[in-house]
C-alpha atoms as a PDB file:
ATOM      1  CA  MET A   1       0.356   0.016  -0.383  1.00  0.00           C
ATOM      2  CA  LYS A   2       1.021   3.537  -0.639  1.00  0.00           C
ATOM      3  CA  LYS A   3       0.456   6.752   0.797  1.00  0.00           C
ATOM      4  CA  ILE A   4       0.152   9.244  -1.254  1.00  0.00           C
ATOM      5  CA  GLU A   5       0.317  13.075  -0.628  1.00  0.00           C
ATOM      6  CA  ALA A   6      -0.065  15.882  -2.738  1.00  0.00           C
ATOM      7  CA  ILE A   7       0.400  19.772  -1.950  1.00  0.00           C
ATOM      8  CA  ILE A   8      -2.141  21.722  -5.239  1.00  0.00           C
ATOM      9  CA  ARG A   9      -3.810  24.640  -6.084  1.00  0.00           C
ATOM     10  CA  LYS A  10      -6.781  25.365  -4.652  1.00  0.00           C
ATOM     11  CA  SER A  11      -8.413  26.552  -8.414  1.00  0.00           C
ATOM     12  CA  ARG A  12      -7.398  23.107  -9.239  1.00  0.00           C
ATOM     13  CA  PHE A  13      -8.662  20.668  -6.555  1.00  0.00           C
ATOM     14  CA  ASN A  14     -12.120  20.084  -7.655  1.00  0.00           C
ATOM     15  CA  ASP A  15     -10.338  19.436 -11.042  1.00  0.00           C
ATOM     16  CA  VAL A  16      -8.580  16.403  -9.521  1.00  0.00           C
ATOM     17  CA  LYS A  17     -11.026  15.171  -7.076  1.00  0.00           C
ATOM     18  CA  ASP A  18     -12.761  14.923 -10.026  1.00  0.00           C
ATOM     19  CA  ASN A  19     -10.206  12.748 -11.796  1.00  0.00           C
ATOM     20  CA  LEU A  20      -9.598  10.730  -8.329  1.00  0.00           C
ATOM     21  CA  HIS A  21     -13.599   9.296  -8.515  1.00  0.00           C
ATOM     22  CA  ASP A  22     -12.813   8.938 -12.782  1.00  0.00           C
ATOM     23  CA  ILE A  23     -10.146   6.507 -11.751  1.00  0.00           C
ATOM     24  CA  GLU A  24     -12.577   4.862  -8.291  1.00  0.00           C
ATOM     25  CA  VAL A  25     -10.260   6.452  -5.683  1.00  0.00           C
ATOM     26  CA  ASN A  26     -13.674   7.868  -3.539  1.00  0.00           C
ATOM     27  CA  PHE A  27     -12.324   8.229   0.215  1.00  0.00           C
ATOM     28  CA  PHE A  28      -9.337  10.468   0.700  1.00  0.00           C
ATOM     29  CA  THR A  29      -8.791  13.211   3.300  1.00  0.00           C
ATOM     30  CA  TYR A  30      -7.668  17.500   2.663  1.00  0.00           C
ATOM     31  CA  TRP A  31      -6.878  20.052   4.263  1.00  0.00           C
ATOM     32  CA  ASP A  32      -6.520  23.947   3.361  1.00  0.00           C
ATOM     33  CA  VAL A  33      -2.771  24.438   4.235  1.00  0.00           C
ATOM     34  CA  THR A  34      -0.525  27.892   3.864  1.00  0.00           C
ATOM     35  CA  GLY A  35       3.049  27.569   2.813  1.00  0.00           C
ATOM     36  CA  VAL A  36       6.490  29.451   1.717  1.00  0.00           C
ATOM     37  CA  GLY A  37       7.387  28.651  -2.010  1.00  0.00           C
ATOM     38  CA  ASN A  38      10.657  29.461  -3.599  1.00  0.00           C
ATOM     39  CA  GLU A  39       9.383  32.085  -5.661  1.00  0.00           C
ATOM     40  CA  LYS A  40      10.552  35.468  -4.089  1.00  0.00           C
ATOM     41  CA  LYS A  41       8.870  38.111  -6.186  1.00  0.00           C
ATOM     42  CA  GLY A  42       5.261  39.066  -6.564  1.00  0.00           C
ATOM     43  CA  LYS A  43       2.800  39.367  -9.096  1.00  0.00           C
ATOM     44  CA  VAL A  44       1.229  42.966  -9.963  1.00  0.00           C
ATOM     45  CA  TYR A  45      -2.859  42.701 -10.584  1.00  0.00           C
ATOM     46  CA  ARG A  46      -4.600  45.885 -12.217  1.00  0.00           C
ATOM     47  CA  GLY A  47      -1.721  48.114 -10.667  1.00  0.00           C
ATOM     48  CA  ILE A  48      -1.217  46.320  -6.842  1.00  0.00           C
ATOM     49  CA  SER A  49       1.229  44.116  -6.268  1.00  0.00           C
ATOM     50  CA  TYR A  50       0.748  40.773  -4.467  1.00  0.00           C
ATOM     51  CA  SER A  51       2.875  38.550  -2.409  1.00  0.00           C
ATOM     52  CA  THR A  52       3.347  35.564  -3.646  1.00  0.00           C
ATOM     53  CA  SER A  53       5.860  34.141  -0.804  1.00  0.00           C
ATOM     54  CA  ASP A  54       3.013  32.890   1.579  1.00  0.00           C
ATOM     55  CA  ILE A  55       0.798  30.393  -1.198  1.00  0.00           C
ATOM     56  CA  GLN A  56      -2.514  28.994  -0.170  1.00  0.00           C
ATOM     57  CA  ARG A  57      -2.632  25.810  -1.012  1.00  0.00           C
ATOM     58  CA  ARG A  58      -5.175  22.167  -0.622  1.00  0.00           C
ATOM     59  CA  TYR A  59      -2.607  19.132   1.151  1.00  0.00           C
ATOM     60  CA  ILE A  60      -4.324  15.623  -0.211  1.00  0.00           C
ATOM     61  CA  SER A  61      -3.927  12.649   1.527  1.00  0.00           C
ATOM     62  CA  ILE A  62      -4.993   9.301  -0.042  1.00  0.00           C
ATOM     63  CA  ILE A  63      -4.299   5.771   1.067  1.00  0.00           C
ATOM     64  CA  VAL A  64      -3.931   3.364  -2.091  1.00  0.00           C
ATOM     65  CA  SER A  65      -3.362  -0.257  -3.037  1.00  0.00           C
ATOM     66  CA  ASP A  66      -0.074  -0.677  -4.958  1.00  0.00           C
ATOM     67  CA  GLU A  67      -1.615  -1.770  -7.913  1.00  0.00           C
ATOM     68  CA  PHE A  68      -3.687   2.205  -7.944  1.00  0.00           C
ATOM     69  CA  GLU A  69      -0.404   4.029  -6.978  1.00  0.00           C
ATOM     70  CA  GLU A  70       0.390   5.321 -10.748  1.00  0.00           C
ATOM     71  CA  LYS A  71      -2.923   5.980 -12.209  1.00  0.00           C
ATOM     72  CA  THR A  72      -3.762   7.845  -8.583  1.00  0.00           C
ATOM     73  CA  ILE A  73      -0.399   9.847  -9.706  1.00  0.00           C
ATOM     74  CA  LYS A  74      -1.300  10.496 -13.354  1.00  0.00           C
ATOM     75  CA  ALA A  75      -4.737  12.201 -12.025  1.00  0.00           C
ATOM     76  CA  ILE A  76      -3.641  14.096  -9.448  1.00  0.00           C
ATOM     77  CA  ILE A  77      -0.874  15.227 -11.970  1.00  0.00           C
ATOM     78  CA  GLU A  78      -3.051  15.361 -15.338  1.00  0.00           C
ATOM     79  CA  ALA A  79      -5.748  17.632 -13.269  1.00  0.00           C
ATOM     80  CA  ALA A  80      -3.232  20.109 -11.118  1.00  0.00           C
ATOM     81  CA  LYS A  81      -0.605  21.025 -14.023  1.00  0.00           C
ATOM     82  CA  THR A  82      -0.762  24.216 -14.770  1.00  0.00           C
ATOM     83  CA  GLY A  83       2.616  24.559 -15.604  1.00  0.00           C
ATOM     84  CA  GLU A  84       3.254  27.790 -14.177  1.00  0.00           C
ATOM     85  CA  VAL A  85       5.442  28.102 -10.785  1.00  0.00           C
ATOM     86  CA  GLY A  86       3.879  27.166  -7.905  1.00  0.00           C
ATOM     87  CA  ASP A  87       1.609  23.597  -9.228  1.00  0.00           C
ATOM     88  CA  GLY A  88       2.766  21.820  -6.044  1.00  0.00           C
ATOM     89  CA  LYS A  89       4.529  18.526  -5.096  1.00  0.00           C
ATOM     90  CA  ILE A  90       3.204  15.047  -4.606  1.00  0.00           C
ATOM     91  CA  PHE A  91       5.295  12.828  -2.265  1.00  0.00           C
ATOM     92  CA  VAL A  92       5.257   8.863  -1.939  1.00  0.00           C
ATOM     93  CA  SER A  93       5.774   6.803   0.767  1.00  0.00           C
ATOM     94  CA  ASP A  94       4.971   3.184   2.030  1.00  0.00           C
ATOM     95  CA  ILE A  95       2.321   2.111   4.598  1.00  0.00           C
ATOM     96  CA  GLN A  96       3.039  -1.239   6.185  1.00  0.00           C
ATOM     97  CA  ASN A  97      -0.845  -1.734   7.354  1.00  0.00           C
ATOM     98  CA  THR A  98      -4.275  -0.618   7.433  1.00  0.00           C
ATOM     99  CA  TYR A  99      -7.199  -1.802   9.766  1.00  0.00           C
ATOM    100  CA  ARG A 100     -11.067  -1.226   9.375  1.00  0.00           C
ATOM    101  CA  ILE A 101     -11.931   0.016  12.707  1.00  0.00           C
ATOM    102  CA  ARG A 102     -15.750  -1.210  12.302  1.00  0.00           C
ATOM    103  CA  THR A 103     -14.794  -4.854  10.983  1.00  0.00           C
ATOM    104  CA  GLU A 104     -11.597  -5.418  11.930  1.00  0.00           C
ATOM    105  CA  GLU A 105     -10.442  -5.863   8.247  1.00  0.00           C
ATOM    106  CA  LYS A 106      -6.611  -5.057   6.969  1.00  0.00           C
ATOM    107  CA  GLY A 107      -4.448  -4.950   4.272  1.00  0.00           C
ATOM    108  CA  ASP A 108      -6.224  -4.114   1.219  1.00  0.00           C
ATOM    109  CA  GLN A 109      -9.666  -5.328   2.588  1.00  0.00           C
ATOM    110  CA  ALA A 110     -10.017  -2.064   4.608  1.00  0.00           C
ATOM    111  CA  LEU A 111      -8.910   0.396   1.564  1.00  0.00           C
ATOM    112  CA  ASN A 112     -12.493  -0.288   0.039  1.00  0.00           C
END
């Protein structure tokens, strides 16, 4: 099993969510987060300068079976990518086991 964590633009969240549902990844957790990025300069919009050093993002945490890892990552990238600085990051780590409290199922059976 894999834990996939993604930090994406808030504006791309609904597209990412739809792509995940399309590949049958229907359970995940998300938070609104603020981070500091590499970009040091601000943006100017209608004559007003905005700081881009503090960035509003959405953090998504997903646990999937090994066979869903690649298509989950692909779904996130396809929906979150704009080609601009600040599209986000994806982190993947191994999960040793998963338990469903209600039924005491464990492993892949506890994910569905």
